[in-house]
Amino acid sequence: MKLPKIFKRDYVTTVSMILVVILIVLTFWFGLRFILKTEHPILAVASGSMEPVLYKGDLILVENSSLITRFDEILRCGDSHFL
């Protein structure tokens, strides 16, 4: 094979692999957003306030839960017997 053909083939392979990796990462990110129903599905713990369970820098999965909304509704309605 001629040298320019080899470089061209390697260039196309490299670019296509980079595009595939980007596509996989974006699919994973938006898939997690959809499944967990949250804007930011993966976050890092920013402070040591949750030690010894979670340490600063730990990664956590965040799920949007309707339980929080229900708790807010209970507090607004004054149904304190649930607390």
PDB file of N, CA and C in Angstrom:
ATOM      1  N   MET A   1       0.832  -1.190   0.000  1.00  0.00           N
ATOM      2  CA  MET A   1       0.000   0.000   0.000  1.00  0.00           C
ATOM      3  C   MET A   1       0.868   1.242   0.000  1.00  0.00           C
ATOM      4  N   LYS A   2       0.297   2.279  -0.567  1.00  0.00           N
ATOM      5  CA  LYS A   2       1.025   3.539  -0.567  1.00  0.00           C
ATOM      6  C   LYS A   2       0.862   4.226   0.782  1.00  0.00           C
ATOM      7  N   LEU A   3       1.871   4.960   1.137  1.00  0.00           N
ATOM      8  CA  LEU A   3       1.881   5.615   2.438  1.00  0.00           C
ATOM      9  C   LEU A   3       0.706   6.582   2.638  1.00  0.00           C
ATOM     10  N   PRO A   4       0.338   7.443   1.697  1.00  0.00           N
ATOM     11  CA  PRO A   4      -0.805   8.345   1.916  1.00  0.00           C
ATOM     12  C   PRO A   4      -2.124   7.596   2.153  1.00  0.00           C
ATOM     13  N   LYS A   5      -2.315   6.428   1.512  1.00  0.00           N
ATOM     14  CA  LYS A   5      -3.543   5.658   1.723  1.00  0.00           C
ATOM     15  C   LYS A   5      -3.607   5.128   3.152  1.00  0.00           C
ATOM     16  N   ILE A   6      -2.488   4.711   3.684  1.00  0.00           N
ATOM     17  CA  ILE A   6      -2.441   4.202   5.051  1.00  0.00           C
ATOM     18  C   ILE A   6      -2.807   5.323   6.030  1.00  0.00           C
ATOM     19  N   PHE A   7      -2.216   6.516   5.839  1.00  0.00           N
ATOM     20  CA  PHE A   7      -2.523   7.638   6.715  1.00  0.00           C
ATOM     21  C   PHE A   7      -3.990   8.036   6.612  1.00  0.00           C
ATOM     22  N   LYS A   8      -4.539   8.023   5.402  1.00  0.00           N
ATOM     23  CA  LYS A   8      -5.935   8.391   5.200  1.00  0.00           C
ATOM     24  C   LYS A   8      -6.848   7.383   5.908  1.00  0.00           C
ATOM     25  N   ARG A   9      -6.547   6.100   5.784  1.00  0.00           N
ATOM     26  CA  ARG A   9      -7.358   5.070   6.417  1.00  0.00           C
ATOM     27  C   ARG A   9      -7.280   5.181   7.935  1.00  0.00           C
ATOM     28  N   ASP A  10      -6.091   5.425   8.479  1.00  0.00           N
ATOM     29  CA  ASP A  10      -5.935   5.591   9.926  1.00  0.00           C
ATOM     30  C   ASP A  10      -6.672   6.826  10.423  1.00  0.00           C
ATOM     31  N   TYR A  11      -6.642   7.895   9.645  1.00  0.00           N
ATOM     32  CA  TYR A  11      -7.325   9.127  10.016  1.00  0.00           C
ATOM     33  C   TYR A  11      -8.838   8.895  10.081  1.00  0.00           C
ATOM     34  N   VAL A  12      -9.384   8.249   9.087  1.00  0.00           N
ATOM     35  CA  VAL A  12     -10.823   7.975   9.049  1.00  0.00           C
ATOM     36  C   VAL A  12     -11.215   7.053  10.200  1.00  0.00           C
ATOM     37  N   THR A  13     -10.428   6.052  10.481  1.00  0.00           N
ATOM     38  CA  THR A  13     -10.705   5.136  11.582  1.00  0.00           C
ATOM     39  C   THR A  13     -10.680   5.871  12.919  1.00  0.00           C
ATOM     40  N   THR A  14      -9.695   6.719  13.117  1.00  0.00           N
ATOM     41  CA  THR A  14      -9.578   7.477  14.365  1.00  0.00           C
ATOM     42  C   THR A  14     -10.765   8.416  14.555  1.00  0.00           C
ATOM     43  N   VAL A  15     -11.115   9.151  13.524  1.00  0.00           N
ATOM     44  CA  VAL A  15     -12.233  10.094  13.612  1.00  0.00           C
ATOM     45  C   VAL A  15     -13.543   9.346  13.870  1.00  0.00           C
ATOM     46  N   SER A  16     -13.739   8.231  13.191  1.00  0.00           N
ATOM     47  CA  SER A  16     -14.981   7.481  13.392  1.00  0.00           C
ATOM     48  C   SER A  16     -15.047   6.892  14.800  1.00  0.00           C
ATOM     49  N   MET A  17     -13.947   6.439  15.349  1.00  0.00           N
ATOM     50  CA  MET A  17     -13.936   5.915  16.714  1.00  0.00           C
ATOM     51  C   MET A  17     -14.218   7.019  17.733  1.00  0.00           C
ATOM     52  N   ILE A  18     -13.672   8.202  17.514  1.00  0.00           N
ATOM     53  CA  ILE A  18     -13.944   9.330  18.409  1.00  0.00           C
ATOM     54  C   ILE A  18     -15.423   9.686  18.365  1.00  0.00           C
ATOM     55  N   LEU A  19     -16.027   9.699  17.184  1.00  0.00           N
ATOM     56  CA  LEU A  19     -17.455   9.986  17.054  1.00  0.00           C
ATOM     57  C   LEU A  19     -18.312   8.925  17.737  1.00  0.00           C
ATOM     58  N   VAL A  20     -17.908   7.664  17.636  1.00  0.00           N
ATOM     59  CA  VAL A  20     -18.643   6.584  18.298  1.00  0.00           C
ATOM     60  C   VAL A  20     -18.577   6.745  19.817  1.00  0.00           C
ATOM     61  N   VAL A  21     -17.415   7.079  20.343  1.00  0.00           N
ATOM     62  CA  VAL A  21     -17.267   7.271  21.790  1.00  0.00           C
ATOM     63  C   VAL A  21     -18.117   8.447  22.260  1.00  0.00           C
ATOM     64  N   ILE A  22     -18.106   9.544  21.519  1.00  0.00           N
ATOM     65  CA  ILE A  22     -18.926  10.704  21.875  1.00  0.00           C
ATOM     66  C   ILE A  22     -20.405  10.334  21.856  1.00  0.00           C
ATOM     67  N   LEU A  23     -20.831   9.596  20.854  1.00  0.00           N
ATOM     68  CA  LEU A  23     -22.225   9.165  20.750  1.00  0.00           C
ATOM     69  C   LEU A  23     -22.623   8.267  21.926  1.00  0.00           C
ATOM     70  N   ILE A  24     -21.733   7.360  22.317  1.00  0.00           N
ATOM     71  CA  ILE A  24     -22.018   6.471  23.455  1.00  0.00           C
ATOM     72  C   ILE A  24     -22.142   7.277  24.745  1.00  0.00           C
ATOM     73  N   VAL A  25     -21.254   8.224  24.975  1.00  0.00           N
ATOM     74  CA  VAL A  25     -21.287   9.039  26.195  1.00  0.00           C
ATOM     75  C   VAL A  25     -22.568   9.873  26.246  1.00  0.00           C
ATOM     76  N   LEU A  26     -22.931  10.501  25.133  1.00  0.00           N
ATOM     77  CA  LEU A  26     -24.148  11.312  25.107  1.00  0.00           C
ATOM     78  C   LEU A  26     -25.399  10.458  25.297  1.00  0.00           C
ATOM     79  N   THR A  27     -25.427   9.282  24.687  1.00  0.00           N
ATOM     80  CA  THR A  27     -26.558   8.376  24.863  1.00  0.00           C
ATOM     81  C   THR A  27     -26.681   7.941  26.317  1.00  0.00           C
ATOM     82  N   PHE A  28     -25.565   7.633  26.949  1.00  0.00           N
ATOM     83  CA  PHE A  28     -25.559   7.240  28.357  1.00  0.00           C
ATOM     84  C   PHE A  28     -26.074   8.378  29.234  1.00  0.00           C
ATOM     85  N   TRP A  29     -25.574   9.605  28.997  1.00  0.00           N
ATOM     86  CA  TRP A  29     -25.955  10.759  29.808  1.00  0.00           C
ATOM     87  C   TRP A  29     -27.445  11.069  29.676  1.00  0.00           C
ATOM     88  N   PHE A  30     -27.926  11.185  28.434  1.00  0.00           N
ATOM     89  CA  PHE A  30     -29.334  11.522  28.235  1.00  0.00           C
ATOM     90  C   PHE A  30     -30.247  10.354  28.618  1.00  0.00           C
ATOM     91  N   GLY A  31     -29.762   9.137  28.507  1.00  0.00           N
ATOM     92  CA  GLY A  31     -30.526   7.982  28.962  1.00  0.00           C
ATOM     93  C   GLY A  31     -30.709   8.010  30.474  1.00  0.00           C
ATOM     94  N   LEU A  32     -29.637   8.322  31.203  1.00  0.00           N
ATOM     95  CA  LEU A  32     -29.738   8.451  32.665  1.00  0.00           C
ATOM     96  C   LEU A  32     -30.676   9.582  33.060  1.00  0.00           C
ATOM     97  N   ARG A  33     -30.603  10.705  32.342  1.00  0.00           N
ATOM     98  CA  ARG A  33     -31.500  11.826  32.632  1.00  0.00           C
ATOM     99  C   ARG A  33     -32.953  11.417  32.459  1.00  0.00           C
ATOM    100  N   PHE A  34     -33.230  10.652  31.421  1.00  0.00           N
ATOM    101  CA  PHE A  34     -34.595  10.211  31.152  1.00  0.00           C
ATOM    102  C   PHE A  34     -35.061   9.184  32.178  1.00  0.00           C
ATOM    103  N   ILE A  35     -34.228   8.199  32.460  1.00  0.00           N
ATOM    104  CA  ILE A  35     -34.607   7.126  33.378  1.00  0.00           C
ATOM    105  C   ILE A  35     -34.770   7.639  34.810  1.00  0.00           C
ATOM    106  N   LEU A  36     -33.841   8.473  35.270  1.00  0.00           N
ATOM    107  CA  LEU A  36     -33.886   8.964  36.649  1.00  0.00           C
ATOM    108  C   LEU A  36     -34.732  10.219  36.808  1.00  0.00           C
ATOM    109  N   LYS A  37     -35.202  10.775  35.706  1.00  0.00           N
ATOM    110  CA  LYS A  37     -36.082  11.953  35.702  1.00  0.00           C
ATOM    111  C   LYS A  37     -35.481  13.127  36.468  1.00  0.00           C
ATOM    112  N   THR A  38     -34.250  13.446  36.150  1.00  0.00           N
ATOM    113  CA  THR A  38     -33.570  14.561  36.803  1.00  0.00           C
ATOM    114  C   THR A  38     -32.638  15.243  35.810  1.00  0.00           C
ATOM    115  N   GLU A  39     -32.380  16.512  36.047  1.00  0.00           N
ATOM    116  CA  GLU A  39     -31.513  17.284  35.157  1.00  0.00           C
ATOM    117  C   GLU A  39     -30.043  16.853  35.275  1.00  0.00           C
ATOM    118  N   HIS A  40     -29.613  16.521  36.478  1.00  0.00           N
ATOM    119  CA  HIS A  40     -28.224  16.129  36.735  1.00  0.00           C
ATOM    120  C   HIS A  40     -28.203  14.763  37.415  1.00  0.00           C
ATOM    121  N   PRO A  41     -28.104  13.676  36.646  1.00  0.00           N
ATOM    122  CA  PRO A  41     -28.190  12.341  37.238  1.00  0.00           C
ATOM    123  C   PRO A  41     -26.944  11.895  38.004  1.00  0.00           C
ATOM    124  N   ILE A  42     -25.800  12.459  37.687  1.00  0.00           N
ATOM    125  CA  ILE A  42     -24.563  12.089  38.385  1.00  0.00           C
ATOM    126  C   ILE A  42     -23.940  13.359  38.957  1.00  0.00           C
ATOM    127  N   LEU A  43     -23.691  13.346  40.257  1.00  0.00           N
ATOM    128  CA  LEU A  43     -23.079  14.494  40.923  1.00  0.00           C
ATOM    129  C   LEU A  43     -21.947  14.028  41.825  1.00  0.00           C
ATOM    130  N   ALA A  44     -21.080  14.957  42.163  1.00  0.00           N
ATOM    131  CA  ALA A  44     -20.004  14.675  43.111  1.00  0.00           C
ATOM    132  C   ALA A  44     -20.345  15.348  44.438  1.00  0.00           C
ATOM    133  N   VAL A  45     -20.039  14.673  45.538  1.00  0.00           N
ATOM    134  CA  VAL A  45     -20.251  15.247  46.862  1.00  0.00           C
ATOM    135  C   VAL A  45     -19.273  16.406  47.025  1.00  0.00           C
ATOM    136  N   ALA A  46     -19.801  17.580  47.375  1.00  0.00           N
ATOM    137  CA  ALA A  46     -18.972  18.782  47.395  1.00  0.00           C
ATOM    138  C   ALA A  46     -18.319  19.074  48.741  1.00  0.00           C
ATOM    139  N   SER A  47     -18.857  18.515  49.822  1.00  0.00           N
ATOM    140  CA  SER A  47     -18.275  18.813  51.132  1.00  0.00           C
ATOM    141  C   SER A  47     -18.241  17.551  51.984  1.00  0.00           C
ATOM    142  N   GLY A  48     -17.625  17.653  53.122  1.00  0.00           N
ATOM    143  CA  GLY A  48     -17.512  16.514  54.017  1.00  0.00           C
ATOM    144  C   GLY A  48     -18.639  16.420  55.023  1.00  0.00           C
ATOM    145  N   SER A  49     -19.754  17.093  54.772  1.00  0.00           N
ATOM    146  CA  SER A  49     -20.842  17.129  55.754  1.00  0.00           C
ATOM    147  C   SER A  49     -21.572  15.794  55.892  1.00  0.00           C
ATOM    148  N   MET A  50     -21.386  14.881  54.958  1.00  0.00           N
ATOM    149  CA  MET A  50     -22.090  13.592  55.022  1.00  0.00           C
ATOM    150  C   MET A  50     -21.174  12.439  55.430  1.00  0.00           C
ATOM    151  N   GLU A  51     -19.985  12.768  55.894  1.00  0.00           N
ATOM    152  CA  GLU A  51     -19.075  11.720  56.350  1.00  0.00           C
ATOM    153  C   GLU A  51     -19.626  11.071  57.603  1.00  0.00           C
ATOM    154  N   PRO A  52     -19.416   9.832  57.860  1.00  0.00           N
ATOM    155  CA  PRO A  52     -18.564   8.829  57.243  1.00  0.00           C
ATOM    156  C   PRO A  52     -19.257   8.018  56.149  1.00  0.00           C
ATOM    157  N   VAL A  53     -20.479   8.359  55.758  1.00  0.00           N
ATOM    158  CA  VAL A  53     -21.178   7.591  54.717  1.00  0.00           C
ATOM    159  C   VAL A  53     -20.704   8.001  53.331  1.00  0.00           C
ATOM    160  N   LEU A  54     -20.707   9.296  53.059  1.00  0.00           N
ATOM    161  CA  LEU A  54     -20.245   9.829  51.769  1.00  0.00           C
ATOM    162  C   LEU A  54     -19.097  10.797  52.022  1.00  0.00           C
ATOM    163  N   TYR A  55     -18.036  10.639  51.262  1.00  0.00           N
ATOM    164  CA  TYR A  55     -16.863  11.494  51.426  1.00  0.00           C
ATOM    165  C   TYR A  55     -16.789  12.501  50.290  1.00  0.00           C
ATOM    166  N   LYS A  56     -16.080  13.582  50.514  1.00  0.00           N
ATOM    167  CA  LYS A  56     -15.898  14.622  49.513  1.00  0.00           C
ATOM    168  C   LYS A  56     -15.294  14.005  48.245  1.00  0.00           C
ATOM    169  N   GLY A  57     -15.944  14.261  47.113  1.00  0.00           N
ATOM    170  CA  GLY A  57     -15.471  13.727  45.841  1.00  0.00           C
ATOM    171  C   GLY A  57     -16.158  12.452  45.400  1.00  0.00           C
ATOM    172  N   ASP A  58     -16.916  11.804  46.279  1.00  0.00           N
ATOM    173  CA  ASP A  58     -17.662  10.602  45.882  1.00  0.00           C
ATOM    174  C   ASP A  58     -18.695  10.963  44.819  1.00  0.00           C
ATOM    175  N   LEU A  59     -18.930  10.056  43.887  1.00  0.00           N
ATOM    176  CA  LEU A  59     -19.951  10.254  42.874  1.00  0.00           C
ATOM    177  C   LEU A  59     -21.248   9.592  43.333  1.00  0.00           C
ATOM    178  N   ILE A  60     -22.353  10.295  43.111  1.00  0.00           N
ATOM    179  CA  ILE A  60     -23.654   9.763  43.504  1.00  0.00           C
ATOM    180  C   ILE A  60     -24.615   9.848  42.325  1.00  0.00           C
ATOM    181  N   LEU A  61     -25.560   8.912  42.280  1.00  0.00           N
ATOM    182  CA  LEU A  61     -26.645   8.955  41.315  1.00  0.00           C
ATOM    183  C   LEU A  61     -27.828   9.649  41.981  1.00  0.00           C
ATOM    184  N   VAL A  62     -28.418  10.593  41.280  1.00  0.00           N
ATOM    185  CA  VAL A  62     -29.529  11.357  41.829  1.00  0.00           C
ATOM    186  C   VAL A  62     -30.791  10.986  41.068  1.00  0.00           C
ATOM    187  N   GLU A  63     -31.824  10.621  41.824  1.00  0.00           N
ATOM    188  CA  GLU A  63     -33.099  10.260  41.220  1.00  0.00           C
ATOM    189  C   GLU A  63     -34.164  11.245  41.680  1.00  0.00           C
ATOM    190  N   ASN A  64     -34.936  11.751  40.736  1.00  0.00           N
ATOM    191  CA  ASN A  64     -36.047  12.631  41.088  1.00  0.00           C
ATOM    192  C   ASN A  64     -37.168  11.769  41.633  1.00  0.00           C
ATOM    193  N   SER A  65     -37.576  12.057  42.825  1.00  0.00           N
ATOM    194  CA  SER A  65     -38.600  11.250  43.468  1.00  0.00           C
ATOM    195  C   SER A  65     -39.833  12.098  43.737  1.00  0.00           C
ATOM    196  N   SER A  66     -40.980  11.532  43.485  1.00  0.00           N
ATOM    197  CA  SER A  66     -42.220  12.247  43.779  1.00  0.00           C
ATOM    198  C   SER A  66     -42.486  12.269  45.280  1.00  0.00           C
ATOM    199  N   LEU A  67     -41.701  11.520  46.066  1.00  0.00           N
ATOM    200  CA  LEU A  67     -41.854  11.506  47.521  1.00  0.00           C
ATOM    201  C   LEU A  67     -41.590  12.885  48.103  1.00  0.00           C
ATOM    202  N   ILE A  68     -40.622  13.598  47.571  1.00  0.00           N
ATOM    203  CA  ILE A  68     -40.308  14.942  48.058  1.00  0.00           C
ATOM    204  C   ILE A  68     -41.500  15.861  47.802  1.00  0.00           C
ATOM    205  N   THR A  69     -42.088  15.767  46.629  1.00  0.00           N
ATOM    206  CA  THR A  69     -43.259  16.573  46.319  1.00  0.00           C
ATOM    207  C   THR A  69     -44.401  16.239  47.265  1.00  0.00           C
ATOM    208  N   ARG A  70     -44.607  14.978  47.540  1.00  0.00           N
ATOM    209  CA  ARG A  70     -45.678  14.547  48.447  1.00  0.00           C
ATOM    210  C   ARG A  70     -45.416  15.073  49.859  1.00  0.00           C
ATOM    211  N   PHE A  71     -44.177  15.062  50.308  1.00  0.00           N
ATOM    212  CA  PHE A  71     -43.824  15.579  51.629  1.00  0.00           C
ATOM    213  C   PHE A  71     -44.135  17.072  51.717  1.00  0.00           C
ATOM    214  N   ASP A  72     -43.792  17.821  50.658  1.00  0.00           N
ATOM    215  CA  ASP A  72     -44.102  19.250  50.629  1.00  0.00           C
ATOM    216  C   ASP A  72     -45.605  19.490  50.674  1.00  0.00           C
ATOM    217  N   GLU A  73     -46.380  18.665  49.988  1.00  0.00           N
ATOM    218  CA  GLU A  73     -47.837  18.798  50.006  1.00  0.00           C
ATOM    219  C   GLU A  73     -48.382  18.541  51.410  1.00  0.00           C
ATOM    220  N   ILE A  74     -47.853  17.557  52.091  1.00  0.00           N
ATOM    221  CA  ILE A  74     -48.297  17.241  53.452  1.00  0.00           C
ATOM    222  C   ILE A  74     -48.014  18.413  54.384  1.00  0.00           C
ATOM    223  N   LEU A  75     -46.834  19.008  54.264  1.00  0.00           N
ATOM    224  CA  LEU A  75     -46.499  20.140  55.128  1.00  0.00           C
ATOM    225  C   LEU A  75     -47.390  21.338  54.841  1.00  0.00           C
ATOM    226  N   ARG A  76     -47.705  21.578  53.581  1.00  0.00           N
ATOM    227  CA  ARG A  76     -48.571  22.701  53.223  1.00  0.00           C
ATOM    228  C   ARG A  76     -49.998  22.505  53.740  1.00  0.00           C
ATOM    229  N   CYS A  77     -50.471  21.280  53.683  1.00  0.00           N
ATOM    230  CA  CYS A  77     -51.853  20.993  54.108  1.00  0.00           C
ATOM    231  C   CYS A  77     -51.978  20.927  55.629  1.00  0.00           C
ATOM    232  N   GLY A  78     -50.886  20.824  56.320  1.00  0.00           N
ATOM    233  CA  GLY A  78     -50.924  20.768  57.767  1.00  0.00           C
ATOM    234  C   GLY A  78     -51.215  19.379  58.325  1.00  0.00           C
ATOM    235  N   ASP A  79     -50.983  18.354  57.543  1.00  0.00           N
ATOM    236  CA  ASP A  79     -51.185  16.978  58.006  1.00  0.00           C
ATOM    237  C   ASP A  79     -49.944  16.528  58.761  1.00  0.00           C
ATOM    238  N   SER A  80     -49.795  16.991  59.981  1.00  0.00           N
ATOM    239  CA  SER A  80     -48.577  16.709  60.735  1.00  0.00           C
ATOM    240  C   SER A  80     -48.592  15.304  61.332  1.00  0.00           C
ATOM    241  N   HIS A  81     -49.709  14.591  61.262  1.00  0.00           N
ATOM    242  CA  HIS A  81     -49.711  13.250  61.842  1.00  0.00           C
ATOM    243  C   HIS A  81     -48.875  12.263  61.020  1.00  0.00           C
ATOM    244  N   PHE A  82     -48.436  12.674  59.826  1.00  0.00           N
ATOM    245  CA  PHE A  82     -47.546  11.824  59.004  1.00  0.00           C
ATOM    246  C   PHE A  82     -46.093  11.962  59.457  1.00  0.00           C
ATOM    247  N   LEU A  83     -45.797  12.997  60.220  1.00  0.00           N
ATOM    248  CA  LEU A  83     -44.404  13.263  60.571  1.00  0.00           C
ATOM    249  C   LEU A  83     -43.957  12.473  61.745  1.00  0.00           C
TER     250      LEU A  83
END
